[in-house]
C-alpha atoms as a PDB file:
ATOM      1  CA  MET A   1       0.000   0.000   0.000  1.00  0.00           C
ATOM      2  CA  PRO A   2       1.775   3.201  -1.111  1.00  0.00           C
ATOM      3  CA  PHE A   3      -0.204   5.603   1.097  1.00  0.00           C
ATOM      4  CA  LEU A   4       1.445   5.324   4.496  1.00  0.00           C
ATOM      5  CA  LYS A   5       0.021   7.685   7.074  1.00  0.00           C
ATOM      6  CA  GLU A   6      -2.228  10.657   7.711  1.00  0.00           C
ATOM      7  CA  ILE A   7      -1.878  13.077  10.608  1.00  0.00           C
ATOM      8  CA  SER A   8      -4.867  15.267  11.424  1.00  0.00           C
ATOM      9  CA  ILE A   9      -4.230  18.634  13.095  1.00  0.00           C
ATOM     10  CA  PRO A  10      -7.592  19.777  14.489  1.00  0.00           C
ATOM     11  CA  THR A  11      -8.808  23.170  13.207  1.00  0.00           C
ATOM     12  CA  ILE A  12      -5.663  23.464  11.049  1.00  0.00           C
ATOM     13  CA  GLY A  13      -5.464  20.742   8.395  1.00  0.00           C
ATOM     14  CA  PHE A  14      -3.756  17.457   7.686  1.00  0.00           C
ATOM     15  CA  ILE A  15      -0.480  15.811   6.716  1.00  0.00           C
ATOM     16  CA  SER A  16      -0.271  12.883   4.306  1.00  0.00           C
ATOM     17  CA  ILE A  17       2.759  10.659   3.803  1.00  0.00           C
ATOM     18  CA  TRP A  18       3.459   8.313   0.891  1.00  0.00           C
ATOM     19  CA  GLU A  19       5.951   5.452   1.048  1.00  0.00           C
ATOM     20  CA  ILE A  20       7.192   4.940  -2.500  1.00  0.00           C
ATOM     21  CA  ASN A  21       7.406   1.358  -3.726  1.00  0.00           C
ATOM     22  CA  GLU A  22       6.127   1.854  -7.277  1.00  0.00           C
ATOM     23  CA  THR A  23       7.883   2.462 -10.560  1.00  0.00           C
ATOM     24  CA  ILE A  24       7.817   5.791 -12.392  1.00  0.00           C
ATOM     25  CA  VAL A  25       5.428   4.342 -14.961  1.00  0.00           C
ATOM     26  CA  GLU A  26       3.041   3.091 -12.276  1.00  0.00           C
ATOM     27  CA  LEU A  27       2.985   6.454 -10.505  1.00  0.00           C
ATOM     28  CA  ALA A  28       2.641   8.449 -13.734  1.00  0.00           C
ATOM     29  CA  ASN A  29      -0.254   6.282 -14.910  1.00  0.00           C
ATOM     30  CA  ALA A  30      -1.969   6.654 -11.537  1.00  0.00           C
ATOM     31  CA  LEU A  31      -1.558  10.436 -11.566  1.00  0.00           C
ATOM     32  CA  ALA A  32      -2.847  10.816 -15.135  1.00  0.00           C
ATOM     33  CA  HIS A  33      -2.555  14.626 -15.309  1.00  0.00           C
ATOM     34  CA  ALA A  34      -4.778  15.107 -12.254  1.00  0.00           C
ATOM     35  CA  VAL A  35      -2.850  18.193 -11.091  1.00  0.00           C
ATOM     36  CA  GLU A  36      -2.557  21.426 -13.067  1.00  0.00           C
ATOM     37  CA  GLU A  37       0.739  23.278 -12.538  1.00  0.00           C
ATOM     38  CA  ASN A  38       2.398  26.429 -13.792  1.00  0.00           C
ATOM     39  CA  THR A  39       5.831  24.771 -13.770  1.00  0.00           C
ATOM     40  CA  LYS A  40       6.935  21.444 -15.154  1.00  0.00           C
ATOM     41  CA  ALA A  41       8.909  18.816 -13.316  1.00  0.00           C
ATOM     42  CA  ASN A  42      12.426  18.358 -14.583  1.00  0.00           C
ATOM     43  CA  PRO A  43      13.983  15.925 -12.134  1.00  0.00           C
ATOM     44  CA  LYS A  44      17.393  14.630 -13.206  1.00  0.00           C
ATOM     45  CA  LYS A  45      17.396  11.504 -11.079  1.00  0.00           C
ATOM     46  CA  GLU A  46      14.879   8.674 -10.977  1.00  0.00           C
ATOM     47  CA  ILE A  47      14.331   9.055  -7.232  1.00  0.00           C
ATOM     48  CA  HIS A  48      13.402  12.715  -7.725  1.00  0.00           C
ATOM     49  CA  GLN A  49      10.863  11.757 -10.384  1.00  0.00           C
ATOM     50  CA  LEU A  50       9.349   9.199  -8.015  1.00  0.00           C
ATOM     51  CA  GLN A  51       9.162  11.736  -5.182  1.00  0.00           C
ATOM     52  CA  TRP A  52       7.584  14.385  -7.409  1.00  0.00           C
ATOM     53  CA  LEU A  53       4.919  12.000  -8.676  1.00  0.00           C
ATOM     54  CA  ALA A  54       4.144  10.621  -5.201  1.00  0.00           C
ATOM     55  CA  SER A  55       3.602  14.089  -3.736  1.00  0.00           C
ATOM     56  CA  ARG A  56       1.099  14.906  -6.504  1.00  0.00           C
ATOM     57  CA  LEU A  57      -0.669  11.591  -6.012  1.00  0.00           C
ATOM     58  CA  LEU A  58      -1.281  12.549  -2.403  1.00  0.00           C
ATOM     59  CA  LEU A  59      -3.199  15.571  -3.714  1.00  0.00           C
ATOM     60  CA  LYS A  60      -5.184  13.375  -6.075  1.00  0.00           C
ATOM     61  CA  LYS A  61      -5.974  10.961  -3.239  1.00  0.00           C
ATOM     62  CA  HIS A  62      -7.475  13.688  -1.075  1.00  0.00           C
ATOM     63  CA  PHE A  63      -9.164  15.781  -3.758  1.00  0.00           C
ATOM     64  CA  HIS A  64     -10.278  13.153  -6.248  1.00  0.00           C
ATOM     65  CA  GLN A  65     -12.701  14.424  -8.911  1.00  0.00           C
ATOM     66  CA  LYS A  66     -11.943  18.045  -7.990  1.00  0.00           C
ATOM     67  CA  ARG A  67      -9.943  20.556  -9.973  1.00  0.00           C
ATOM     68  CA  ILE A  68      -6.446  20.641  -8.430  1.00  0.00           C
ATOM     69  CA  GLN A  69      -4.180  23.572  -9.277  1.00  0.00           C
ATOM     70  CA  LEU A  70      -0.679  23.904  -7.867  1.00  0.00           C
ATOM     71  CA  TYR A  71       1.260  27.093  -8.535  1.00  0.00           C
ATOM     72  CA  LYS A  72       4.758  28.187  -7.514  1.00  0.00           C
ATOM     73  CA  ASP A  73       5.883  31.783  -7.123  1.00  0.00           C
ATOM     74  CA  GLU A  74       9.262  33.370  -7.891  1.00  0.00           C
ATOM     75  CA  VAL A  75      10.844  31.882  -4.752  1.00  0.00           C
ATOM     76  CA  ASN A  76       9.362  28.429  -5.451  1.00  0.00           C
ATOM     77  CA  LYS A  77       6.707  28.645  -2.725  1.00  0.00           C
ATOM     78  CA  PRO A  78       3.671  26.536  -3.706  1.00  0.00           C
ATOM     79  CA  SER A  79       0.041  27.634  -3.539  1.00  0.00           C
ATOM     80  CA  LEU A  80      -2.871  25.241  -3.887  1.00  0.00           C
ATOM     81  CA  PHE A  81      -6.348  25.791  -5.308  1.00  0.00           C
ATOM     82  CA  ILE A  82      -9.096  23.168  -5.070  1.00  0.00           C
ATOM     83  CA  ASP A  83     -12.066  24.038  -7.276  1.00  0.00           C
ATOM     84  CA  ASN A  84     -10.682  27.615  -7.173  1.00  0.00           C
ATOM     85  CA  THR A  85     -10.652  27.706  -3.349  1.00  0.00           C
ATOM     86  CA  PRO A  86      -7.199  28.635  -1.985  1.00  0.00           C
ATOM     87  CA  TYR A  87      -5.283  26.428   0.460  1.00  0.00           C
ATOM     88  CA  HIS A  88      -1.873  26.636   2.060  1.00  0.00           C
ATOM     89  CA  ILE A  89       0.448  23.762   1.174  1.00  0.00           C
ATOM     90  CA  SER A  90       3.967  22.619   1.945  1.00  0.00           C
ATOM     91  CA  ILE A  91       5.641  19.695   0.150  1.00  0.00           C
ATOM     92  CA  THR A  92       8.640  17.602   1.129  1.00  0.00           C
ATOM     93  CA  HIS A  93      10.370  14.391   0.127  1.00  0.00           C
ATOM     94  CA  ALA A  94      13.436  12.389   1.024  1.00  0.00           C
ATOM     95  CA  GLY A  95      14.449   8.897   0.013  1.00  0.00           C
ATOM     96  CA  LYS A  96      11.403   6.665  -0.316  1.00  0.00           C
ATOM     97  CA  TYR A  97       9.014   9.134   1.336  1.00  0.00           C
ATOM     98  CA  ALA A  98       6.966  12.076   0.091  1.00  0.00           C
ATOM     99  CA  ALA A  99       4.662  14.187   2.250  1.00  0.00           C
ATOM    100  CA  ILE A 100       2.309  17.166   2.057  1.00  0.00           C
ATOM    101  CA  PHE A 101       0.851  19.482   4.703  1.00  0.00           C
ATOM    102  CA  ILE A 102      -2.379  21.272   3.745  1.00  0.00           C
ATOM    103  CA  SER A 103      -4.393  23.906   5.601  1.00  0.00           C
ATOM    104  CA  ALA A 104      -7.230  26.233   4.731  1.00  0.00           C
ATOM    105  CA  SER A 105      -6.431  28.628   7.572  1.00  0.00           C
ATOM    106  CA  ALA A 106      -2.706  28.650   8.457  1.00  0.00           C
ATOM    107  CA  THR A 107       0.659  28.997   6.757  1.00  0.00           C
ATOM    108  CA  VAL A 108       2.315  25.582   6.967  1.00  0.00           C
ATOM    109  CA  GLY A 109       5.763  24.052   6.703  1.00  0.00           C
ATOM    110  CA  ILE A 110       6.957  20.458   6.548  1.00  0.00           C
ATOM    111  CA  ASP A 111      10.323  18.805   6.011  1.00  0.00           C
ATOM    112  CA  LEU A 112      11.788  15.297   5.744  1.00  0.00           C
ATOM    113  CA  GLU A 113      15.439  14.469   6.420  1.00  0.00           C
ATOM    114  CA  LEU A 114      17.498  11.297   6.448  1.00  0.00           C
ATOM    115  CA  ILE A 115      19.397  10.739   9.689  1.00  0.00           C
ATOM    116  CA  ASP A 116      22.981  10.536   8.463  1.00  0.00           C
ATOM    117  CA  GLU A 117      26.192  10.585  10.507  1.00  0.00           C
ATOM    118  CA  ARG A 118      27.799  12.808   7.854  1.00  0.00           C
ATOM    119  CA  ILE A 119      25.776  15.741   9.160  1.00  0.00           C
ATOM    120  CA  LEU A 120      28.195  15.864  12.112  1.00  0.00           C
ATOM    121  CA  ASN A 121      30.846  17.192   9.727  1.00  0.00           C
ATOM    122  CA  ILE A 122      28.834  20.234   8.632  1.00  0.00           C
ATOM    123  CA  SER A 123      26.824  21.027  11.764  1.00  0.00           C
ATOM    124  CA  ASN A 124      28.896  24.122  12.585  1.00  0.00           C
ATOM    125  CA  LYS A 125      27.617  25.714   9.367  1.00  0.00           C
ATOM    126  CA  PHE A 126      24.030  25.976  10.620  1.00  0.00           C
ATOM    127  CA  LEU A 127      24.106  25.501  14.416  1.00  0.00           C
ATOM    128  CA  ASN A 128      24.472  28.590  16.581  1.00  0.00           C
ATOM    129  CA  GLU A 129      26.255  28.549  19.949  1.00  0.00           C
ATOM    130  CA  LYS A 130      23.148  27.657  21.950  1.00  0.00           C
ATOM    131  CA  GLU A 131      22.230  24.822  19.584  1.00  0.00           C
ATOM    132  CA  LEU A 132      25.796  23.460  19.661  1.00  0.00           C
ATOM    133  CA  LYS A 133      25.572  23.404  23.454  1.00  0.00           C
ATOM    134  CA  LEU A 134      22.284  21.489  23.290  1.00  0.00           C
ATOM    135  CA  ILE A 135      23.930  18.867  21.077  1.00  0.00           C
ATOM    136  CA  GLN A 136      27.129  18.653  23.123  1.00  0.00           C
ATOM    137  CA  GLU A 137      25.074  17.838  26.212  1.00  0.00           C
ATOM    138  CA  LEU A 138      23.742  14.700  24.516  1.00  0.00           C
ATOM    139  CA  GLU A 139      25.531  11.426  25.162  1.00  0.00           C
ATOM    140  CA  HIS A 140      23.915   9.534  22.301  1.00  0.00           C
ATOM    141  CA  GLU A 141      22.175  10.073  18.952  1.00  0.00           C
ATOM    142  CA  GLN A 142      23.859  13.365  18.130  1.00  0.00           C
ATOM    143  CA  ALA A 143      23.370  12.799  14.385  1.00  0.00           C
ATOM    144  CA  LYS A 144      19.653  12.305  14.972  1.00  0.00           C
ATOM    145  CA  PHE A 145      19.217  15.534  16.903  1.00  0.00           C
ATOM    146  CA  ILE A 146      21.396  17.584  14.570  1.00  0.00           C
ATOM    147  CA  SER A 147      19.243  16.265  11.710  1.00  0.00           C
ATOM    148  CA  LEU A 148      16.197  17.215  13.770  1.00  0.00           C
ATOM    149  CA  ILE A 149      17.435  20.789  14.193  1.00  0.00           C
ATOM    150  CA  TRP A 150      18.249  21.057  10.486  1.00  0.00           C
ATOM    151  CA  SER A 151      14.789  19.756   9.567  1.00  0.00           C
ATOM    152  CA  ALA A 152      13.091  22.110  12.030  1.00  0.00           C
ATOM    153  CA  LYS A 153      14.969  25.047  10.509  1.00  0.00           C
ATOM    154  CA  GLU A 154      13.911  23.953   7.015  1.00  0.00           C
ATOM    155  CA  THR A 155      10.303  23.859   8.196  1.00  0.00           C
ATOM    156  CA  LEU A 156      10.590  27.379   9.623  1.00  0.00           C
ATOM    157  CA  TYR A 157      12.237  28.568   6.405  1.00  0.00           C
ATOM    158  CA  LYS A 158       9.275  27.264   4.394  1.00  0.00           C
ATOM    159  CA  ILE A 159       6.828  29.107   6.639  1.00  0.00           C
ATOM    160  CA  TYR A 160       8.876  32.306   6.286  1.00  0.00           C
ATOM    161  CA  SER A 161       8.647  31.732   2.502  1.00  0.00           C
ATOM    162  CA  ARG A 162      11.203  34.327   1.485  1.00  0.00           C
ATOM    163  CA  LYS A 163      14.857  33.940   0.580  1.00  0.00           C
ATOM    164  CA  GLU A 164      17.945  35.503   2.143  1.00  0.00           C
ATOM    165  CA  LEU A 165      17.795  33.713   5.490  1.00  0.00           C
ATOM    166  CA  ASP A 166      20.987  32.621   7.219  1.00  0.00           C
ATOM    167  CA  PHE A 167      20.255  29.277   8.900  1.00  0.00           C
ATOM    168  CA  LYS A 168      22.851  29.906  11.616  1.00  0.00           C
ATOM    169  CA  ARG A 169      22.082  33.557  12.354  1.00  0.00           C
ATOM    170  CA  ASP A 170      18.392  34.085  11.504  1.00  0.00           C
ATOM    171  CA  ILE A 171      16.736  30.768  12.420  1.00  0.00           C
ATOM    172  CA  PHE A 172      16.995  29.508  16.001  1.00  0.00           C
ATOM    173  CA  ILE A 173      16.023  26.421  17.986  1.00  0.00           C
ATOM    174  CA  ASN A 174      15.704  26.838  21.757  1.00  0.00           C
ATOM    175  CA  ASP A 175      14.615  23.335  22.762  1.00  0.00           C
ATOM    176  CA  ILE A 176      14.782  19.934  21.070  1.00  0.00           C
ATOM    177  CA  GLN A 177      12.088  18.213  23.118  1.00  0.00           C
ATOM    178  CA  GLU A 178       8.689  17.573  21.544  1.00  0.00           C
ATOM    179  CA  PRO A 179       7.372  20.075  20.616  1.00  0.00           C
ATOM    180  CA  ILE A 180      10.567  21.786  19.512  1.00  0.00           C
ATOM    181  CA  LYS A 181      10.698  25.496  20.281  1.00  0.00           C
ATOM    182  CA  GLY A 182      12.113  27.645  17.519  1.00  0.00           C
ATOM    183  CA  GLY A 183      11.642  30.684  15.364  1.00  0.00           C
ATOM    184  CA  ILE A 184      12.998  33.319  13.032  1.00  0.00           C
ATOM    185  CA  SER A 185      14.487  36.674  13.891  1.00  0.00           C
ATOM    186  CA  LYS A 186      15.341  38.918  10.978  1.00  0.00           C
ATOM    187  CA  LEU A 187      14.825  42.575  10.247  1.00  0.00           C
ATOM    188  CA  GLY A 188      11.138  43.100   9.590  1.00  0.00           C
ATOM    189  CA  SER A 189      10.108  39.597  10.669  1.00  0.00           C
ATOM    190  CA  ALA A 190      10.239  37.791  14.005  1.00  0.00           C
ATOM    191  CA  PHE A 191       8.161  34.902  15.326  1.00  0.00           C
ATOM    192  CA  GLU A 192       8.396  31.742  17.422  1.00  0.00           C
ATOM    193  CA  LEU A 193       6.527  28.489  16.872  1.00  0.00           C
ATOM    194  CA  ASP A 194       6.135  24.950  18.146  1.00  0.00           C
ATOM    195  CA  ILE A 195       7.658  22.491  15.672  1.00  0.00           C
ATOM    196  CA  HIS A 196       6.462  18.900  15.938  1.00  0.00           C
ATOM    197  CA  TYR A 197       8.263  15.832  14.709  1.00  0.00           C
ATOM    198  CA  ILE A 198       7.862  12.114  14.095  1.00  0.00           C
ATOM    199  CA  GLU A 199      10.355   9.422  13.117  1.00  0.00           C
ATOM    200  CA  LEU A 200       9.920   7.203  10.052  1.00  0.00           C
ATOM    201  CA  GLU A 201      12.530   4.470  10.288  1.00  0.00           C
ATOM    202  CA  ASN A 202      15.787   6.430   9.844  1.00  0.00           C
ATOM    203  CA  TYR A 203      14.075   9.640   8.723  1.00  0.00           C
ATOM    204  CA  ILE A 204      12.876  12.697  10.644  1.00  0.00           C
ATOM    205  CA  LEU A 205       9.719  14.565   9.645  1.00  0.00           C
ATOM    206  CA  THR A 206       9.078  17.998  11.167  1.00  0.00           C
ATOM    207  CA  TYR A 207       6.073  20.251  10.725  1.00  0.00           C
ATOM    208  CA  ALA A 208       4.690  23.525  12.034  1.00  0.00           C
ATOM    209  CA  TYR A 209       2.009  26.069  11.267  1.00  0.00           C
ATOM    210  CA  ARG A 210       1.540  29.782  11.754  1.00  0.00           C
ATOM    211  CA  LYS A 211      -1.943  31.151  12.235  1.00  0.00           C
ATOM    212  CA  PRO A 212      -2.781  34.496  10.632  1.00  0.00           C
ATOM    213  CA  PHE A 213      -3.083  36.366  13.947  1.00  0.00           C
ATOM    214  CA  ILE A 214       0.460  35.500  15.061  1.00  0.00           C
END
């Protein structure tokens, strides 16, 4: 069964996750041009084609027999319209997983990351002093929690939805317990959010939302 999991966030929306075990042909045939887009996919690797198709199939699964329009702006932020009604959407994929987060009322962000020991070698590029201290206090699973911080920052970046953010200076994580506490502080924009996470085998999925009144 390719559809793996759905997470409902009351009053906000839902997350859907697809575990990819199909071929490109199988996914393409199942999608059958169900989603209208203003940009075309041009993935160079087979895995990227699979991920792209799976994320669109999640839209088809939830909005079958409706008109699905997915548009991206100049900074690649997606917007979703279902029968011309606007929704907020965030899309992510990594390895064999693809996921979407959809809301009618809140700006959303979602991110998937593989837990990989190699992240230890580049952690100083995106961890600030406080975050480095949080990691150094851990006796085990440092790669997991560094990956968690990176994913949480990606989720916040997607909610911010504008470029020119420094992941070390402008995005911060204050706590790595569930829910993670983090936010963005940059000239003209500052906010803090709860970032939730789940584990999928050796992957981390983080998600957060920002209501309009925040």
